[in-house]
Amino acid sequence: MRVPLAVAGLALSAALSAGDDKGTVVEWAGLRSAAPASWKEETPTSKMRLAQFKVPKAEGDKEDAEVAVFVSPGGGGVDANLKRQLAVFTPDKGKDKVEEKTDKVKVGPHDATYQDLKGTLLKKAAPLDPNSKVTPQAGYRQLYVIFETPDKAVASLWLRGPEKTVEANKKAFDEWVKNFK
């Protein structure tokens, strides 16, 4: 049986597209998962980051979002890190507090905490420098996942950026986290 060239080309194109939905494979705390293909891998901006991605901005947002992946051998524990993440936000204008929601999730075999923050990000040029200039970024959101490894290291990652962009990528982020095996 002969298959017309146009039909064969469409089948090949569909097969290639089906495999194109995965991006860079990230190794994190002994687990692996392929990031969404729309996230653009970047060189980490600090030695603390294992991986970093730019997430394209949603229509109407002025900036892209960012994904960062960390493992800290002595990171201070889950609760201390959740408080630290909350501290980099203040309430948006007209709100009396930062919107925060936490849930328990599974990341591979690990019990993890999923924190969802909305408010004004207190963005620092050098996050660990107490004298670094702070630039408030209103209307920001951060999805943060954290757990302790069996050897007591703290594994965490976040998606942080303008609210619309984070919301537009929440499903892909959640799927990526769920797929770490």
N, C-alpha and C. Protein backbone atom coordinates (compact mmCIF):
# COMPACT_ATOMS: atom_id res chain seq x y z
N MET A 1 0.84 -1.18 0.00
CA MET A 1 0.00 0.00 0.00
C MET A 1 0.88 1.24 0.00
N ARG A 2 0.56 2.16 -0.85
CA ARG A 2 1.31 3.41 -0.93
C ARG A 2 0.58 4.48 -0.15
N VAL A 3 1.34 5.21 0.68
CA VAL A 3 0.76 6.30 1.47
C VAL A 3 1.17 7.61 0.79
N PRO A 4 0.20 8.46 0.47
CA PRO A 4 0.57 9.73 -0.14
C PRO A 4 1.58 10.49 0.73
N LEU A 5 2.51 11.16 0.08
CA LEU A 5 3.58 11.88 0.78
C LEU A 5 3.02 12.89 1.77
N ALA A 6 1.96 13.59 1.43
CA ALA A 6 1.38 14.60 2.32
C ALA A 6 0.88 13.95 3.61
N VAL A 7 0.24 12.78 3.49
CA VAL A 7 -0.26 12.08 4.68
C VAL A 7 0.90 11.60 5.54
N ALA A 8 1.93 11.05 4.93
CA ALA A 8 3.11 10.60 5.67
C ALA A 8 3.76 11.77 6.40
N GLY A 9 3.84 12.91 5.73
CA GLY A 9 4.42 14.11 6.34
C GLY A 9 3.62 14.57 7.54
N LEU A 10 2.30 14.53 7.45
CA LEU A 10 1.45 14.91 8.59
C LEU A 10 1.64 13.96 9.76
N ALA A 11 1.75 12.68 9.48
CA ALA A 11 1.96 11.69 10.55
C ALA A 11 3.30 11.93 11.25
N LEU A 12 4.35 12.19 10.48
CA LEU A 12 5.66 12.45 11.05
C LEU A 12 5.63 13.73 11.88
N SER A 13 4.97 14.76 11.36
CA SER A 13 4.86 16.03 12.07
C SER A 13 4.13 15.84 13.40
N ALA A 14 3.05 15.07 13.40
CA ALA A 14 2.29 14.81 14.63
C ALA A 14 3.14 14.03 15.63
N ALA A 15 3.91 13.06 15.14
CA ALA A 15 4.76 12.26 16.04
C ALA A 15 5.84 13.14 16.68
N LEU A 16 6.44 14.04 15.89
CA LEU A 16 7.47 14.93 16.44
C LEU A 16 6.87 15.90 17.43
N SER A 17 5.68 16.43 17.14
CA SER A 17 5.03 17.36 18.06
C SER A 17 4.68 16.69 19.38
N ALA A 18 4.27 15.44 19.33
CA ALA A 18 3.90 14.72 20.55
C ALA A 18 5.10 14.59 21.47
N GLY A 19 6.31 14.46 20.92
CA GLY A 19 7.49 14.36 21.76
C GLY A 19 8.09 15.70 22.13
N ASP A 20 7.57 16.77 21.55
CA ASP A 20 8.10 18.11 21.78
C ASP A 20 7.54 18.79 23.01
N ASP A 21 6.61 18.18 23.73
CA ASP A 21 5.96 18.86 24.85
C ASP A 21 6.79 18.81 26.13
N LYS A 22 7.95 18.19 26.10
CA LYS A 22 8.82 18.09 27.27
C LYS A 22 10.06 18.95 27.04
N GLY A 23 10.51 19.54 28.12
CA GLY A 23 11.71 20.35 28.06
C GLY A 23 12.85 19.66 28.77
N THR A 24 13.70 20.45 29.37
CA THR A 24 14.88 19.99 30.07
C THR A 24 14.52 19.07 31.24
N VAL A 25 15.23 17.96 31.35
CA VAL A 25 15.04 17.07 32.49
C VAL A 25 15.84 17.64 33.67
N VAL A 26 15.15 17.81 34.79
CA VAL A 26 15.76 18.36 35.99
C VAL A 26 15.96 17.23 36.99
N GLU A 27 17.17 17.15 37.54
CA GLU A 27 17.47 16.21 38.63
C GLU A 27 17.44 17.00 39.92
N TRP A 28 16.63 16.53 40.88
CA TRP A 28 16.39 17.27 42.12
C TRP A 28 16.21 16.27 43.26
N ALA A 29 17.12 16.31 44.22
CA ALA A 29 17.03 15.45 45.41
C ALA A 29 16.86 13.97 45.03
N GLY A 30 17.60 13.53 44.01
CA GLY A 30 17.55 12.13 43.59
C GLY A 30 16.36 11.79 42.71
N LEU A 31 15.57 12.79 42.32
CA LEU A 31 14.39 12.60 41.49
C LEU A 31 14.59 13.29 40.14
N ARG A 32 13.79 12.89 39.14
CA ARG A 32 13.90 13.49 37.81
C ARG A 32 12.51 13.79 37.26
N SER A 33 12.41 14.93 36.55
CA SER A 33 11.18 15.27 35.85
C SER A 33 11.52 16.24 34.73
N ALA A 34 10.84 16.10 33.59
CA ALA A 34 11.06 17.00 32.46
C ALA A 34 10.21 18.25 32.62
N ALA A 35 10.86 19.39 32.57
CA ALA A 35 10.16 20.67 32.66
C ALA A 35 9.34 20.90 31.39
N PRO A 36 8.31 21.73 31.47
CA PRO A 36 7.56 22.06 30.26
C PRO A 36 8.47 22.69 29.20
N ALA A 37 8.23 22.37 27.95
CA ALA A 37 9.08 22.85 26.86
C ALA A 37 9.04 24.37 26.71
N SER A 38 7.95 25.01 27.15
CA SER A 38 7.86 26.48 27.03
C SER A 38 8.75 27.21 28.02
N TRP A 39 9.23 26.51 29.04
CA TRP A 39 10.15 27.14 30.00
C TRP A 39 11.54 27.11 29.40
N LYS A 40 12.21 28.24 29.41
CA LYS A 40 13.54 28.34 28.82
C LYS A 40 14.61 28.22 29.89
N GLU A 41 15.43 27.18 29.77
CA GLU A 41 16.49 26.96 30.75
C GLU A 41 17.48 28.13 30.72
N GLU A 42 17.90 28.56 31.91
CA GLU A 42 18.88 29.63 32.04
C GLU A 42 20.04 29.15 32.91
N THR A 43 21.15 29.84 32.82
CA THR A 43 22.26 29.57 33.73
C THR A 43 21.85 30.07 35.11
N PRO A 44 21.95 29.23 36.14
CA PRO A 44 21.57 29.68 37.49
C PRO A 44 22.34 30.94 37.90
N THR A 45 21.61 31.86 38.55
CA THR A 45 22.20 33.13 38.95
C THR A 45 22.95 33.07 40.27
N SER A 46 22.90 31.90 40.94
CA SER A 46 23.69 31.73 42.16
C SER A 46 24.10 30.27 42.28
N LYS A 47 25.12 30.03 43.11
CA LYS A 47 25.59 28.66 43.32
C LYS A 47 24.59 27.82 44.10
N MET A 48 23.63 28.48 44.75
CA MET A 48 22.61 27.76 45.52
C MET A 48 21.57 27.10 44.62
N ARG A 49 21.45 27.57 43.39
CA ARG A 49 20.42 27.06 42.47
C ARG A 49 20.95 25.89 41.65
N LEU A 50 20.19 24.81 41.66
CA LEU A 50 20.53 23.66 40.82
C LEU A 50 20.11 23.89 39.38
N ALA A 51 18.97 24.56 39.22
CA ALA A 51 18.42 24.82 37.89
C ALA A 51 17.59 26.09 37.96
N GLN A 52 17.42 26.70 36.79
CA GLN A 52 16.65 27.94 36.71
C GLN A 52 16.03 28.05 35.33
N PHE A 53 14.78 28.53 35.28
CA PHE A 53 14.06 28.67 34.02
C PHE A 53 13.36 30.02 33.95
N LYS A 54 13.26 30.55 32.75
CA LYS A 54 12.43 31.72 32.48
C LYS A 54 11.10 31.18 31.97
N VAL A 55 10.01 31.68 32.54
CA VAL A 55 8.67 31.27 32.13
C VAL A 55 8.03 32.46 31.41
N PRO A 56 7.71 32.32 30.13
CA PRO A 56 7.21 33.46 29.35
C PRO A 56 5.98 34.12 29.97
N LYS A 57 5.98 35.45 29.96
CA LYS A 57 4.90 36.23 30.57
C LYS A 57 3.58 36.01 29.84
N ALA A 58 2.51 36.10 30.62
CA ALA A 58 1.16 36.03 30.08
C ALA A 58 0.79 37.38 29.50
N GLU A 59 -0.17 37.40 28.62
CA GLU A 59 -0.63 38.65 28.03
C GLU A 59 -1.07 39.61 29.14
N GLY A 60 -0.57 40.82 29.07
CA GLY A 60 -0.92 41.84 30.07
C GLY A 60 0.10 41.99 31.18
N ASP A 61 0.96 40.99 31.37
CA ASP A 61 2.01 41.10 32.39
C ASP A 61 3.24 41.75 31.77
N LYS A 62 4.00 42.47 32.61
CA LYS A 62 5.17 43.19 32.12
C LYS A 62 6.45 42.37 32.19
N GLU A 63 6.44 41.33 33.01
CA GLU A 63 7.66 40.53 33.20
C GLU A 63 7.37 39.05 33.05
N ASP A 64 8.43 38.30 32.74
CA ASP A 64 8.37 36.85 32.76
C ASP A 64 8.39 36.38 34.21
N ALA A 65 8.02 35.14 34.43
CA ALA A 65 8.15 34.52 35.74
C ALA A 65 9.45 33.71 35.75
N GLU A 66 9.78 33.17 36.90
CA GLU A 66 11.02 32.42 37.04
C GLU A 66 10.75 31.16 37.86
N VAL A 67 11.43 30.09 37.49
CA VAL A 67 11.44 28.85 38.27
C VAL A 67 12.88 28.67 38.76
N ALA A 68 13.02 28.36 40.05
CA ALA A 68 14.33 28.08 40.62
C ALA A 68 14.24 26.81 41.45
N VAL A 69 15.31 26.00 41.39
CA VAL A 69 15.36 24.70 42.06
C VAL A 69 16.57 24.69 43.00
N PHE A 70 16.34 24.24 44.25
CA PHE A 70 17.39 24.28 45.28
C PHE A 70 17.47 22.96 46.06
N VAL A 71 18.65 22.64 46.57
CA VAL A 71 18.85 21.65 47.62
C VAL A 71 19.90 22.24 48.54
N SER A 72 19.54 22.40 49.81
CA SER A 72 20.44 22.99 50.80
C SER A 72 20.74 21.96 51.87
N PRO A 73 22.03 21.63 52.08
CA PRO A 73 22.37 20.62 53.07
C PRO A 73 21.98 20.99 54.49
N GLY A 74 21.94 22.26 54.82
CA GLY A 74 21.56 22.67 56.17
C GLY A 74 20.55 23.78 56.13
N GLY A 75 19.52 23.64 55.34
CA GLY A 75 18.60 24.73 55.04
C GLY A 75 17.69 25.22 56.14
N GLY A 76 17.81 24.70 57.37
CA GLY A 76 17.01 25.23 58.46
C GLY A 76 15.65 24.60 58.65
N GLY A 77 15.31 23.61 57.88
CA GLY A 77 14.04 22.92 58.05
C GLY A 77 12.91 23.54 57.25
N VAL A 78 11.83 22.79 57.12
CA VAL A 78 10.69 23.18 56.31
C VAL A 78 10.01 24.42 56.89
N ASP A 79 9.67 24.42 58.17
CA ASP A 79 8.94 25.54 58.75
C ASP A 79 9.71 26.85 58.64
N ALA A 80 11.00 26.83 58.91
CA ALA A 80 11.82 28.04 58.82
C ALA A 80 11.83 28.58 57.38
N ASN A 81 11.88 27.69 56.41
CA ASN A 81 11.89 28.12 55.02
C ASN A 81 10.53 28.66 54.57
N LEU A 82 9.45 28.07 55.05
CA LEU A 82 8.12 28.59 54.73
C LEU A 82 7.97 30.02 55.27
N LYS A 83 8.45 30.25 56.48
CA LYS A 83 8.40 31.59 57.09
C LYS A 83 9.29 32.56 56.31
N ARG A 84 10.45 32.10 55.88
CA ARG A 84 11.35 32.94 55.09
C ARG A 84 10.71 33.36 53.77
N GLN A 85 10.01 32.43 53.12
CA GLN A 85 9.33 32.76 51.86
C GLN A 85 8.21 33.78 52.10
N LEU A 86 7.44 33.59 53.15
CA LEU A 86 6.37 34.53 53.49
C LEU A 86 6.94 35.92 53.76
N ALA A 87 8.12 35.98 54.36
CA ALA A 87 8.74 37.27 54.73
C ALA A 87 9.21 38.08 53.52
N VAL A 88 9.33 37.47 52.34
CA VAL A 88 9.73 38.25 51.17
C VAL A 88 8.53 38.86 50.46
N PHE A 89 7.35 38.72 51.06
CA PHE A 89 6.13 39.33 50.54
C PHE A 89 5.53 40.25 51.60
N THR A 90 4.86 41.31 51.13
CA THR A 90 4.02 42.15 51.98
C THR A 90 2.65 42.19 51.32
N PRO A 91 1.63 42.64 52.04
CA PRO A 91 0.30 42.69 51.43
C PRO A 91 0.26 43.67 50.25
N ASP A 92 -0.50 43.33 49.22
CA ASP A 92 -0.76 44.27 48.14
C ASP A 92 -1.58 45.43 48.69
N LYS A 93 -1.53 46.56 48.01
CA LYS A 93 -2.28 47.75 48.43
C LYS A 93 -3.76 47.39 48.60
N GLY A 94 -4.33 47.83 49.71
CA GLY A 94 -5.73 47.56 49.98
C GLY A 94 -5.99 46.23 50.68
N LYS A 95 -4.96 45.43 50.89
CA LYS A 95 -5.09 44.14 51.58
C LYS A 95 -4.45 44.26 52.96
N ASP A 96 -4.96 43.51 53.91
CA ASP A 96 -4.38 43.58 55.25
C ASP A 96 -3.33 42.51 55.51
N LYS A 97 -3.24 41.52 54.60
CA LYS A 97 -2.21 40.50 54.75
C LYS A 97 -1.88 39.84 53.42
N VAL A 98 -0.74 39.18 53.39
CA VAL A 98 -0.35 38.40 52.21
C VAL A 98 -1.28 37.20 52.13
N GLU A 99 -1.77 36.90 50.94
CA GLU A 99 -2.61 35.71 50.78
C GLU A 99 -1.70 34.49 50.80
N GLU A 100 -1.99 33.56 51.71
CA GLU A 100 -1.17 32.35 51.84
C GLU A 100 -2.07 31.14 51.98
N LYS A 101 -1.71 30.12 51.22
CA LYS A 101 -2.40 28.83 51.33
C LYS A 101 -1.33 27.76 51.33
N THR A 102 -1.43 26.80 52.23
CA THR A 102 -0.49 25.68 52.23
C THR A 102 -1.26 24.36 52.18
N ASP A 103 -0.66 23.41 51.49
CA ASP A 103 -1.23 22.07 51.37
C ASP A 103 -0.11 21.05 51.50
N LYS A 104 -0.47 19.84 51.80
CA LYS A 104 0.48 18.73 51.80
C LYS A 104 0.38 18.04 50.45
N VAL A 105 1.54 17.74 49.87
CA VAL A 105 1.59 17.04 48.58
C VAL A 105 2.65 15.95 48.66
N LYS A 106 2.68 15.11 47.67
CA LYS A 106 3.68 14.06 47.55
C LYS A 106 4.60 14.42 46.40
N VAL A 107 5.90 14.36 46.62
CA VAL A 107 6.89 14.55 45.56
C VAL A 107 7.72 13.27 45.54
N GLY A 108 7.47 12.42 44.54
CA GLY A 108 8.09 11.10 44.56
C GLY A 108 7.68 10.43 45.87
N PRO A 109 8.65 9.90 46.63
CA PRO A 109 8.31 9.24 47.89
C PRO A 109 8.22 10.21 49.08
N HIS A 110 8.47 11.48 48.85
CA HIS A 110 8.57 12.46 49.94
C HIS A 110 7.25 13.17 50.23
N ASP A 111 6.97 13.37 51.52
CA ASP A 111 5.87 14.23 51.95
C ASP A 111 6.39 15.66 51.87
N ALA A 112 5.68 16.51 51.15
CA ALA A 112 6.14 17.88 50.93
C ALA A 112 5.04 18.87 51.29
N THR A 113 5.44 20.12 51.42
CA THR A 113 4.51 21.22 51.65
C THR A 113 4.49 22.09 50.40
N TYR A 114 3.28 22.47 50.00
CA TYR A 114 3.05 23.33 48.83
C TYR A 114 2.48 24.63 49.36
N GLN A 115 3.22 25.71 49.18
CA GLN A 115 2.80 27.03 49.66
C GLN A 115 2.49 27.92 48.45
N ASP A 116 1.35 28.59 48.51
CA ASP A 116 0.91 29.49 47.45
C ASP A 116 0.78 30.88 48.08
N LEU A 117 1.61 31.83 47.64
CA LEU A 117 1.63 33.19 48.19
C LEU A 117 1.23 34.20 47.13
N LYS A 118 0.45 35.22 47.54
CA LYS A 118 0.08 36.33 46.65
C LYS A 118 0.25 37.62 47.42
N GLY A 119 0.90 38.60 46.77
CA GLY A 119 1.09 39.90 47.41
C GLY A 119 2.14 40.70 46.66
N THR A 120 2.82 41.58 47.41
CA THR A 120 3.89 42.39 46.84
C THR A 120 5.22 41.75 47.19
N LEU A 121 5.95 41.32 46.17
CA LEU A 121 7.27 40.72 46.36
C LEU A 121 8.27 41.82 46.69
N LEU A 122 9.06 41.61 47.73
CA LEU A 122 10.14 42.53 48.08
C LEU A 122 11.39 42.01 47.40
N LYS A 123 11.54 42.34 46.14
CA LYS A 123 12.61 41.81 45.30
C LYS A 123 13.94 42.49 45.63
N LYS A 124 14.95 41.66 45.88
CA LYS A 124 16.28 42.17 46.18
C LYS A 124 17.23 41.80 45.06
N ALA A 125 18.11 42.73 44.71
CA ALA A 125 19.12 42.46 43.68
C ALA A 125 20.03 41.32 44.12
N ALA A 126 20.40 41.31 45.41
CA ALA A 126 21.23 40.24 45.99
C ALA A 126 20.45 39.71 47.20
N PRO A 127 19.68 38.64 47.02
CA PRO A 127 18.77 38.17 48.06
C PRO A 127 19.39 37.92 49.44
N LEU A 128 20.63 37.49 49.50
CA LEU A 128 21.24 37.18 50.79
C LEU A 128 21.96 38.36 51.43
N ASP A 129 22.04 39.47 50.73
CA ASP A 129 22.71 40.67 51.24
C ASP A 129 21.68 41.55 51.95
N PRO A 130 21.81 41.73 53.28
CA PRO A 130 20.83 42.54 54.00
C PRO A 130 20.82 44.01 53.56
N ASN A 131 21.88 44.47 52.91
CA ASN A 131 21.95 45.86 52.46
C ASN A 131 21.54 46.04 51.00
N SER A 132 21.12 44.96 50.36
CA SER A 132 20.73 45.02 48.95
C SER A 132 19.46 45.86 48.78
N LYS A 133 19.41 46.61 47.69
CA LYS A 133 18.24 47.44 47.39
C LYS A 133 17.00 46.56 47.17
N VAL A 134 15.89 46.99 47.79
CA VAL A 134 14.63 46.28 47.66
C VAL A 134 13.73 47.02 46.67
N THR A 135 13.18 46.27 45.72
CA THR A 135 12.25 46.83 44.74
C THR A 135 10.90 46.12 44.91
N PRO A 136 9.88 46.80 45.45
CA PRO A 136 8.57 46.15 45.61
C PRO A 136 7.93 45.85 44.26
N GLN A 137 7.41 44.64 44.11
CA GLN A 137 6.74 44.19 42.89
C GLN A 137 5.32 43.77 43.25
N ALA A 138 4.36 44.68 43.08
CA ALA A 138 2.96 44.39 43.44
C ALA A 138 2.37 43.36 42.48
N GLY A 139 1.36 42.63 42.99
CA GLY A 139 0.65 41.67 42.15
C GLY A 139 1.45 40.45 41.79
N TYR A 140 2.30 40.00 42.70
CA TYR A 140 3.12 38.83 42.46
C TYR A 140 2.54 37.60 43.14
N ARG A 141 2.97 36.45 42.65
CA ARG A 141 2.53 35.17 43.21
C ARG A 141 3.71 34.22 43.19
N GLN A 142 3.75 33.35 44.19
CA GLN A 142 4.81 32.34 44.25
C GLN A 142 4.20 31.00 44.65
N LEU A 143 4.51 29.97 43.87
CA LEU A 143 4.18 28.59 44.20
C LEU A 143 5.48 27.96 44.67
N TYR A 144 5.49 27.43 45.89
CA TYR A 144 6.72 26.96 46.53
C TYR A 144 6.49 25.56 47.06
N VAL A 145 7.39 24.64 46.72
CA VAL A 145 7.30 23.25 47.18
C VAL A 145 8.58 22.93 47.93
N ILE A 146 8.43 22.31 49.11
CA ILE A 146 9.59 22.04 49.96
C ILE A 146 9.41 20.74 50.74
N PHE A 147 10.54 20.02 50.91
CA PHE A 147 10.55 18.82 51.76
C PHE A 147 11.96 18.57 52.25
N GLU A 148 12.08 17.75 53.29
CA GLU A 148 13.39 17.33 53.79
C GLU A 148 13.70 15.96 53.21
N THR A 149 14.95 15.79 52.78
CA THR A 149 15.40 14.49 52.28
C THR A 149 15.76 13.60 53.47
N PRO A 150 15.94 12.30 53.25
CA PRO A 150 16.31 11.42 54.36
C PRO A 150 17.61 11.83 55.07
N ASP A 151 18.52 12.50 54.35
CA ASP A 151 19.77 12.94 54.99
C ASP A 151 19.66 14.36 55.55
N LYS A 152 18.42 14.86 55.70
CA LYS A 152 18.10 16.15 56.33
C LYS A 152 18.46 17.37 55.49
N ALA A 153 18.71 17.20 54.21
CA ALA A 153 18.86 18.35 53.32
C ALA A 153 17.45 18.89 53.04
N VAL A 154 17.38 20.15 52.69
CA VAL A 154 16.10 20.77 52.35
C VAL A 154 16.05 20.95 50.84
N ALA A 155 15.06 20.33 50.21
CA ALA A 155 14.85 20.43 48.77
C ALA A 155 13.65 21.35 48.54
N SER A 156 13.84 22.36 47.70
CA SER A 156 12.75 23.29 47.44
C SER A 156 12.83 23.79 46.00
N LEU A 157 11.70 24.26 45.53
CA LEU A 157 11.64 24.91 44.22
C LEU A 157 10.47 25.85 44.21
N TRP A 158 10.54 26.85 43.36
CA TRP A 158 9.42 27.76 43.24
C TRP A 158 9.23 28.26 41.83
N LEU A 159 7.99 28.67 41.58
CA LEU A 159 7.59 29.42 40.40
C LEU A 159 7.15 30.77 40.95
N ARG A 160 7.83 31.84 40.52
CA ARG A 160 7.56 33.18 41.07
C ARG A 160 7.47 34.18 39.92
N GLY A 161 6.44 35.03 39.99
CA GLY A 161 6.30 36.06 38.97
C GLY A 161 4.98 36.78 39.09
N PRO A 162 4.64 37.59 38.08
CA PRO A 162 3.35 38.28 38.07
C PRO A 162 2.20 37.25 38.16
N GLU A 163 1.14 37.65 38.86
CA GLU A 163 0.03 36.71 39.14
C GLU A 163 -0.54 36.03 37.90
N LYS A 164 -0.80 36.78 36.82
CA LYS A 164 -1.40 36.17 35.62
C LYS A 164 -0.48 35.11 35.03
N THR A 165 0.81 35.41 35.00
CA THR A 165 1.78 34.48 34.42
C THR A 165 1.88 33.22 35.27
N VAL A 166 1.91 33.38 36.59
CA VAL A 166 1.96 32.20 37.46
C VAL A 166 0.68 31.38 37.31
N GLU A 167 -0.46 32.04 37.29
CA GLU A 167 -1.73 31.32 37.12
C GLU A 167 -1.76 30.57 35.78
N ALA A 168 -1.27 31.21 34.72
CA ALA A 168 -1.26 30.58 33.40
C ALA A 168 -0.35 29.35 33.36
N ASN A 169 0.62 29.27 34.27
CA ASN A 169 1.57 28.16 34.29
C ASN A 169 1.40 27.22 35.48
N LYS A 170 0.39 27.47 36.30
CA LYS A 170 0.18 26.66 37.52
C LYS A 170 -0.05 25.19 37.19
N LYS A 171 -0.89 24.91 36.22
CA LYS A 171 -1.18 23.51 35.86
C LYS A 171 0.09 22.80 35.41
N ALA A 172 0.89 23.44 34.57
CA ALA A 172 2.15 22.84 34.09
C ALA A 172 3.13 22.65 35.24
N PHE A 173 3.21 23.63 36.14
CA PHE A 173 4.08 23.54 37.30
C PHE A 173 3.67 22.36 38.18
N ASP A 174 2.38 22.28 38.48
CA ASP A 174 1.86 21.20 39.33
C ASP A 174 2.14 19.83 38.71
N GLU A 175 1.96 19.73 37.40
CA GLU A 175 2.21 18.46 36.70
C GLU A 175 3.71 18.10 36.76
N TRP A 176 4.55 19.09 36.56
CA TRP A 176 6.00 18.90 36.64
C TRP A 176 6.39 18.38 38.01
N VAL A 177 5.89 19.01 39.05
CA VAL A 177 6.20 18.58 40.43
C VAL A 177 5.69 17.16 40.65
N LYS A 178 4.47 16.88 40.22
CA LYS A 178 3.88 15.54 40.39
C LYS A 178 4.69 14.46 39.68
N ASN A 179 5.36 14.82 38.58
CA ASN A 179 6.09 13.83 37.79
C ASN A 179 7.51 13.55 38.28
N PHE A 180 7.97 14.22 39.33
CA PHE A 180 9.30 13.89 39.86
C PHE A 180 9.25 12.47 40.41
N LYS A 181 10.10 11.62 39.87
CA LYS A 181 10.17 10.20 40.29
C LYS A 181 11.61 9.82 40.49
